[in-house]
Protein backbone atom coordinates (compact mmCIF):
# COMPACT_ATOMS: atom_id res chain seq x y z
CA MET A 1 -12.46 -62.56 -12.07
CA CYS A 2 -11.13 -65.82 -13.57
CA ASP A 3 -13.74 -67.71 -15.89
CA THR A 4 -12.03 -71.19 -15.82
CA ALA A 5 -11.64 -73.29 -13.22
CA ALA A 6 -9.04 -76.67 -12.64
CA THR A 7 -9.84 -79.74 -11.24
CA VAL A 8 -7.01 -82.70 -9.58
CA SER A 9 -7.76 -85.74 -10.59
CA ALA A 10 -8.49 -88.55 -7.84
CA ASN A 11 -6.88 -91.08 -9.56
CA PRO A 12 -5.66 -93.42 -7.12
CA ASP A 13 -3.08 -95.04 -10.03
CA ARG A 14 -0.96 -91.76 -10.03
CA PRO A 15 2.31 -91.17 -7.88
CA ALA A 16 1.43 -89.16 -5.24
CA ARG A 17 3.79 -86.53 -6.39
CA TYR A 18 1.99 -86.24 -9.45
CA VAL A 19 -1.38 -85.03 -7.15
CA THR A 20 1.30 -83.02 -4.56
CA ALA A 21 2.21 -81.22 -7.92
CA CYS A 22 -1.24 -80.85 -9.10
CA LEU A 23 -2.39 -79.18 -5.78
CA THR A 24 0.15 -76.87 -5.53
CA ALA A 25 -0.57 -75.65 -9.00
CA LEU A 26 -3.69 -75.54 -8.22
CA LEU A 27 -3.29 -73.37 -4.90
CA PHE A 28 -1.58 -71.26 -7.04
CA PHE A 29 -3.98 -70.49 -9.06
CA LEU A 30 -7.06 -70.26 -6.63
CA ALA A 31 -4.37 -67.45 -5.13
CA GLY A 32 -4.78 -65.45 -8.35
CA CYS A 33 -8.27 -66.21 -9.04
CA THR A 34 -9.07 -64.72 -6.08
CA ALA A 35 -6.90 -62.05 -5.44
CA ALA A 36 -8.48 -58.31 -5.58
CA ASP A 37 -7.06 -56.14 -8.73
CA PRO A 38 -5.17 -53.22 -6.80
CA THR A 39 -7.08 -50.11 -6.10
CA PRO A 40 -5.21 -46.83 -6.94
CA SER A 41 -4.27 -45.29 -3.50
CA PRO A 42 -6.05 -41.81 -3.45
CA ARG A 43 -3.79 -38.59 -4.08
CA ASP A 44 -1.85 -37.95 -0.91
CA THR A 45 -2.69 -34.73 0.69
CA VAL A 46 0.41 -32.49 1.13
CA LEU A 47 -0.89 -29.38 2.26
CA THR A 48 -3.83 -28.21 3.91
CA VAL A 49 -4.86 -24.71 4.52
CA LEU A 50 -7.87 -22.90 6.67
CA THR A 51 -8.66 -19.06 6.49
CA LEU A 52 -11.48 -17.46 8.94
CA ASN A 53 -12.22 -13.87 9.85
CA LEU A 54 -12.50 -13.65 13.55
CA HIS A 55 -14.62 -10.36 14.36
CA THR A 56 -12.93 -9.10 16.74
CA TYR A 57 -14.23 -9.88 19.64
CA GLN A 58 -17.71 -8.79 18.43
CA GLN A 59 -19.66 -12.11 18.69
CA ILE A 60 -20.15 -10.98 22.47
CA ALA A 61 -21.84 -7.38 23.37
CA THR A 62 -21.27 -5.35 26.50
CA ALA A 63 -24.85 -4.81 28.01
CA GLY A 64 -25.24 -1.24 28.24
CA VAL A 65 -21.99 -0.09 26.77
CA GLU A 66 -20.91 1.19 23.22
CA GLU A 67 -17.65 -0.43 22.42
CA GLN A 68 -16.10 3.03 22.25
CA GLU A 69 -16.76 3.25 26.11
CA LEU A 70 -15.02 0.01 26.77
CA THR A 71 -12.26 0.21 29.73
CA GLN A 72 -9.48 -2.28 30.25
CA GLN A 73 -11.97 -4.11 33.21
CA LEU A 74 -14.34 -4.55 30.58
CA ALA A 75 -12.50 -5.45 27.86
CA ALA A 76 -10.72 -8.37 30.15
CA GLN A 77 -14.33 -9.47 31.10
CA ARG A 78 -15.18 -9.85 26.91
CA VAL A 79 -12.16 -12.06 26.60
CA GLU A 80 -13.12 -13.85 29.33
CA ALA A 81 -16.89 -14.19 28.51
CA TYR A 82 -15.23 -15.57 24.49
CA GLY A 83 -13.57 -18.66 26.43
CA PRO A 84 -16.47 -21.51 24.98
CA ILE A 85 -15.85 -19.74 21.34
CA PHE A 86 -12.35 -20.02 21.74
CA ASP A 87 -12.88 -23.85 22.70
CA ARG A 88 -14.72 -24.17 19.79
CA MET A 89 -12.23 -22.65 17.42
CA ALA A 90 -9.21 -24.76 18.87
CA ALA A 91 -11.61 -28.04 18.78
CA GLY A 92 -12.17 -27.36 15.07
CA ILE A 93 -8.92 -26.59 14.80
CA SER A 94 -7.85 -29.49 16.20
CA GLU A 95 -9.74 -31.90 14.00
CA LEU A 96 -9.16 -29.98 11.03
CA ASP A 97 -5.44 -30.39 11.88
CA PRO A 98 -4.64 -27.57 9.07
CA ASP A 99 -0.64 -26.93 7.90
CA VAL A 100 -1.73 -23.47 7.68
CA ILE A 101 -4.07 -20.78 9.37
CA CYS A 102 -4.93 -17.48 7.94
CA LEU A 103 -7.12 -15.29 10.30
CA GLN A 104 -8.13 -11.83 9.55
CA GLU A 105 -10.07 -9.45 12.24
CA VAL A 106 -7.69 -10.61 14.91
CA GLY A 107 -8.29 -8.60 18.08
CA GLU A 108 -6.23 -7.59 21.13
CA TRP A 109 -6.70 -4.90 23.99
CA PRO A 110 -4.12 -2.18 23.75
CA SER A 111 -2.56 -2.35 27.23
CA ALA A 112 -0.45 0.41 26.52
CA GLY A 113 -3.59 2.81 25.51
CA HIS A 114 -4.46 4.64 22.37
CA ASP A 115 -2.00 7.75 23.13
CA ASP A 116 0.79 6.47 20.80
CA PRO A 117 0.18 3.81 18.21
CA ALA A 118 3.50 3.79 17.34
CA LYS A 119 4.64 1.95 20.72
CA LEU A 120 1.88 -0.48 20.63
CA VAL A 121 3.46 -4.01 20.20
CA PHE A 122 0.94 -6.71 18.51
CA GLY A 123 0.75 -10.53 19.25
CA GLY A 124 1.94 -10.97 22.52
CA GLY A 125 -0.62 -10.13 25.08
CA ASP A 126 -2.79 -12.29 26.47
CA SER A 127 -6.08 -10.68 24.92
CA ASN A 128 -4.76 -11.24 21.42
CA MET A 129 -7.35 -13.75 20.02
CA VAL A 130 -4.21 -16.04 18.45
CA GLN A 131 -2.36 -16.45 21.31
CA GLN A 132 -6.21 -17.39 23.31
CA ILE A 133 -6.58 -20.20 20.32
CA LEU A 134 -2.74 -21.30 20.39
CA ALA A 135 -3.44 -21.80 24.60
CA ARG A 136 -6.17 -24.07 23.67
CA LEU A 137 -3.93 -26.51 21.24
CA PRO A 138 -1.18 -27.46 23.65
CA LYS A 139 -0.44 -30.72 21.05
CA GLN A 140 0.02 -28.74 18.34
CA HIS A 141 2.74 -26.44 17.29
CA TYR A 142 2.41 -23.65 15.29
CA GLU A 143 4.66 -20.82 14.33
CA PHE A 144 3.50 -17.38 13.43
CA THR A 145 3.65 -13.81 12.25
CA MET A 146 1.05 -11.49 12.45
CA ASP A 147 0.60 -7.59 12.37
CA TRP A 148 -2.07 -5.32 12.71
CA SER A 149 -4.14 -2.93 10.42
CA HIS A 150 -6.01 -0.55 12.33
CA PHE A 151 -8.00 -0.11 15.95
CA GLY A 152 -11.61 -1.82 15.04
CA TRP A 153 -14.20 -0.55 16.47
CA GLY A 154 -12.45 2.56 17.57
CA VAL A 155 -11.26 0.40 20.54
CA TRP A 156 -9.38 -2.83 19.53
CA MET A 157 -6.22 -3.72 18.00
CA GLU A 158 -7.03 -5.47 14.85
CA GLY A 159 -4.61 -7.24 12.18
CA SER A 160 -4.51 -10.58 10.51
CA ALA A 161 -2.05 -13.24 11.32
CA ILE A 162 -0.56 -16.78 9.72
CA LEU A 163 0.12 -19.80 11.45
CA SER A 164 2.01 -22.87 10.22
CA LYS A 165 3.16 -26.09 10.99
CA PHE A 166 6.34 -25.52 8.94
CA PRO A 167 9.27 -23.34 9.83
CA LEU A 168 8.36 -19.52 9.00
CA THR A 169 11.77 -19.33 6.65
CA HIS A 170 10.53 -15.37 5.70
CA ARG A 171 7.86 -12.91 6.95
CA ALA A 172 6.88 -9.32 5.98
CA SER A 173 4.15 -7.23 6.42
CA ARG A 174 2.94 -4.33 3.99
CA PHE A 175 -0.10 -2.10 3.58
CA ILE A 176 -1.82 -2.48 0.57
CA SER A 177 -4.58 0.59 1.51
CA SER A 178 -2.88 4.03 0.15
CA PRO A 179 -0.39 5.64 1.81
CA ALA A 180 -2.51 8.43 3.53
CA ASN A 181 -4.54 5.66 4.95
CA LYS A 182 -2.20 3.48 7.20
CA GLN A 183 -3.02 5.61 9.81
CA PRO A 184 -4.03 2.89 13.04
CA ASP A 185 -7.39 5.59 13.61
CA ASN A 186 -8.28 4.70 10.18
CA TRP A 187 -10.29 1.95 9.70
CA LYS A 188 -10.01 1.07 6.33
CA SER A 189 -6.45 0.79 6.61
CA ARG A 190 -5.32 -2.88 5.63
CA ASN A 191 -1.82 -4.20 6.29
CA VAL A 192 -1.34 -7.46 4.99
CA PRO A 193 1.10 -10.44 6.70
CA MET A 194 3.49 -12.66 4.40
CA ALA A 195 5.44 -15.65 5.02
CA ARG A 196 7.23 -18.01 3.39
CA ILE A 197 7.22 -21.85 4.57
CA ASP A 198 8.98 -24.58 2.96
CA VAL A 199 6.65 -27.48 2.52
CA PRO A 200 8.45 -31.15 1.68
CA GLU A 201 7.12 -32.29 -2.26
CA VAL A 202 5.92 -28.85 -2.47
CA GLY A 203 8.54 -26.26 -1.90
CA ALA A 204 8.84 -22.88 -1.55
CA VAL A 205 4.98 -21.45 -0.51
CA GLN A 206 4.03 -17.79 0.35
CA VAL A 207 1.21 -16.80 2.22
CA PHE A 208 -0.54 -13.85 2.72
CA SER A 209 -3.18 -13.58 4.91
CA VAL A 210 -5.65 -10.79 2.94
CA HIS A 211 -8.35 -7.99 4.69
CA ALA A 212 -8.94 -6.15 1.86
CA GLY A 213 -11.42 -3.05 1.56
CA TRP A 214 -14.74 -3.01 -0.54
CA TRP A 215 -15.05 -2.96 -4.50
CA ASN A 216 -16.65 0.27 -4.55
CA ASP A 217 -15.28 2.11 -2.18
CA PRO A 218 -14.50 5.63 -2.96
CA GLU A 219 -11.27 5.94 -0.71
CA GLU A 220 -9.80 2.56 -0.84
CA PRO A 221 -11.34 0.37 -3.86
CA PHE A 222 -10.68 -3.15 -3.72
CA GLN A 223 -9.26 -2.98 -7.42
CA VAL A 224 -6.15 -0.70 -6.21
CA GLN A 225 -5.19 -2.76 -2.96
CA PHE A 226 -5.93 -5.85 -5.14
CA ARG A 227 -2.98 -4.46 -7.66
CA ARG A 228 -0.73 -3.41 -4.86
CA LEU A 229 -1.42 -7.24 -3.39
CA LEU A 230 -0.42 -8.70 -6.83
CA ASP A 231 2.55 -6.82 -7.03
CA TRP A 232 3.78 -7.43 -4.12
CA ALA A 233 3.36 -11.31 -4.71
CA ALA A 234 5.29 -11.06 -7.65
CA GLU A 235 8.20 -9.48 -6.18
CA VAL A 236 8.20 -12.40 -3.71
CA GLU A 237 7.91 -15.29 -5.76
CA ARG A 238 9.91 -17.61 -6.65
CA ALA A 239 10.29 -19.56 -10.02
CA ASP A 240 7.75 -22.61 -10.06
CA SER A 241 7.03 -22.06 -6.29
CA THR A 242 3.23 -21.78 -5.02
CA THR A 243 1.59 -18.76 -3.82
CA ILE A 244 -1.64 -18.46 -1.82
CA LEU A 245 -3.73 -15.33 -1.09
CA CYS A 246 -6.26 -16.63 1.75
CA GLY A 247 -8.81 -14.41 3.57
CA ASP A 248 -11.42 -11.87 3.62
CA PHE A 249 -11.33 -10.01 0.26
CA ASN A 250 -14.62 -8.10 0.96
CA VAL A 251 -16.01 -8.91 -2.54
CA ALA A 252 -18.69 -11.07 -3.45
CA ALA A 253 -18.77 -13.79 -6.15
CA GLY A 254 -20.43 -13.62 -9.41
CA GLY A 255 -19.42 -9.89 -9.39
CA PRO A 256 -17.23 -6.98 -10.39
CA GLY A 257 -14.97 -7.27 -7.84
CA TYR A 258 -14.82 -11.20 -8.33
CA ALA A 259 -14.10 -10.80 -11.80
CA PHE A 260 -11.38 -8.45 -11.21
CA LEU A 261 -9.54 -11.17 -9.19
CA SER A 262 -10.49 -14.04 -11.40
CA ASP A 263 -9.79 -13.06 -14.88
CA GLY A 264 -5.98 -12.70 -16.14
CA THR A 265 -4.60 -12.37 -12.13
CA GLY A 266 -2.84 -15.92 -12.67
CA PHE A 267 -4.94 -17.15 -9.43
CA THR A 268 -7.41 -19.11 -9.15
CA ASP A 269 -10.35 -19.47 -6.35
CA GLN A 270 -10.27 -23.03 -5.13
CA TYR A 271 -13.09 -23.45 -3.61
CA ALA A 272 -15.30 -22.81 -6.57
CA LEU A 273 -12.90 -25.01 -8.70
CA ALA A 274 -13.65 -27.70 -6.50
CA ASN A 275 -17.26 -26.90 -6.02
CA PRO A 276 -18.26 -25.92 -9.50
CA ALA A 277 -22.14 -25.62 -8.29
CA GLY A 278 -21.30 -23.79 -5.25
CA ILE A 279 -19.66 -20.48 -6.30
CA PHE A 280 -22.24 -18.82 -4.63
CA ASP A 281 -21.80 -20.70 -1.44
CA ALA A 282 -22.06 -18.39 1.17
CA THR A 283 -19.24 -17.23 3.83
CA ILE A 284 -21.18 -14.39 5.03
CA GLY A 285 -25.20 -13.74 6.66
CA GLY A 286 -27.19 -10.79 5.18
CA GLY A 287 -26.33 -8.81 8.21
CA ALA A 288 -22.45 -9.10 8.70
CA ASP A 289 -20.90 -5.83 9.30
CA GLY A 290 -20.05 -4.10 5.92
CA TRP A 291 -23.20 -6.22 4.12
CA GLU A 292 -26.05 -5.06 6.02
CA ARG A 293 -27.44 -4.41 2.31
CA SER A 294 -26.86 -7.46 0.54
CA ASP A 295 -29.43 -9.56 0.06
CA GLY A 296 -29.20 -12.98 1.94
CA GLY A 297 -25.52 -14.12 2.04
CA GLN A 298 -22.58 -13.75 0.08
CA ARG A 299 -19.50 -15.86 -0.38
CA ILE A 300 -16.47 -13.27 0.29
CA ASP A 301 -13.53 -15.57 1.88
CA TYR A 302 -11.11 -17.28 -0.84
CA ILE A 303 -8.00 -19.31 -0.97
CA LEU A 304 -6.32 -18.31 -3.91
CA LEU A 305 -3.54 -20.49 -5.61
CA ASN A 306 -1.19 -18.86 -8.48
CA ASP A 307 -1.96 -21.14 -11.49
CA THR A 308 1.77 -22.32 -11.93
CA SER A 309 2.00 -24.07 -8.46
CA PRO A 310 1.98 -27.52 -8.69
CA LEU A 311 -0.61 -27.85 -6.08
CA ALA A 312 -4.11 -29.57 -6.67
CA VAL A 313 -6.95 -28.84 -4.74
CA THR A 314 -8.53 -31.71 -3.97
CA THR A 315 -11.60 -30.96 -1.25
CA ALA A 316 -12.81 -27.59 0.30
CA ARG A 317 -15.50 -26.88 2.38
CA ARG A 318 -16.77 -24.35 4.75
CA VAL A 319 -16.43 -24.63 8.26
CA PHE A 320 -17.28 -23.03 11.69
CA THR A 321 -21.24 -23.35 10.37
CA ASP A 322 -23.63 -24.12 12.04
CA GLU A 323 -23.38 -28.17 11.04
CA GLU A 324 -19.33 -28.42 11.26
CA PHE A 325 -17.87 -26.94 14.65
CA GLY A 326 -20.24 -24.42 15.53
CA ARG A 327 -20.08 -20.19 14.59
CA VAL A 328 -17.58 -18.85 16.03
CA SER A 329 -17.48 -15.39 13.81
CA ASP A 330 -19.68 -13.27 11.20
CA HIS A 331 -17.87 -15.19 8.94
CA VAL A 332 -17.38 -19.23 8.29
CA GLY A 333 -14.25 -20.70 7.94
CA VAL A 334 -12.95 -22.21 4.25
CA TYR A 335 -11.13 -25.09 4.86
CA ALA A 336 -8.92 -26.83 1.40
CA GLU A 337 -6.78 -29.76 1.12
CA PHE A 338 -4.27 -29.87 -1.66
CA THR A 339 -1.71 -32.44 -3.82
CA ILE A 340 0.52 -32.46 -6.06
CA GLU A 341 -0.82 -33.66 -9.28
CA ARG A 342 1.77 -36.44 -10.75
CA GLY A 343 3.79 -35.54 -13.61
CA GLN A 344 4.38 -32.11 -12.89
């Protein structure tokens, strides 16, 4: 604000050019007084990430039929009945427009049967949940990679996926479960897809879509799986690059598993960083599969970022909730936006 004023004399004896000069000076002065101070622009978002567990076609049941008794015809009916849920997923993704999407419990009906799992191809069938979502996003182009871990509920091929608006320059998958459990008929088998993408202004970003086991599982404890994941991330990480571990970690915030993934691992929970008071914001309800004995909801879905990354989270929230887009799974999604801290 200007705290002085300028006046121009109206004395008719003064030359006209003098009055004109004074008027011109006054206009420049007033322009300087009224121009608002420039407001710093918000930090530019350079990367947005969404993670969501899809629950392998379990939001709808087939009346009078156990899941293990499904036939190909009944499975096709389930996929068709899931149409409104896929529409809701696609509408949410279309509005959020995330650069990277990590999905877990991606279901697909094995059209070739279960006799020889080695011959099954995951990701190309019409029943694949990623393909169903992409078919509803004609204006948004995503490259993707995915792999499967086991037969979910004994019948569905179930795996994880990474979708990216940026080209995938490298892709791989690796089991983080023990060698003895790398079998599709063992539901504790865990296979994680990984992709490297090059993000403008950021550089190389390694993304892992994770669906891990439980902390206290006697056969497949979380801590062993997570160490394998960290070792793999260290193998593929480049100097000064970004690594994102994203997905359903099956360890509750505030518990021993959460401390294990947070303390001294070189990775930080981005939702908690953006929402310090929201560490216990649930991403599953108390009756979710595998968490039936938990009291109320738990937060088990995370976006973890390596501490040496140039990225900084600016906002993170839960989506596909009753309030935002509607429920599509027994999990809600986690969405985060990142910028680069200038000066890095």
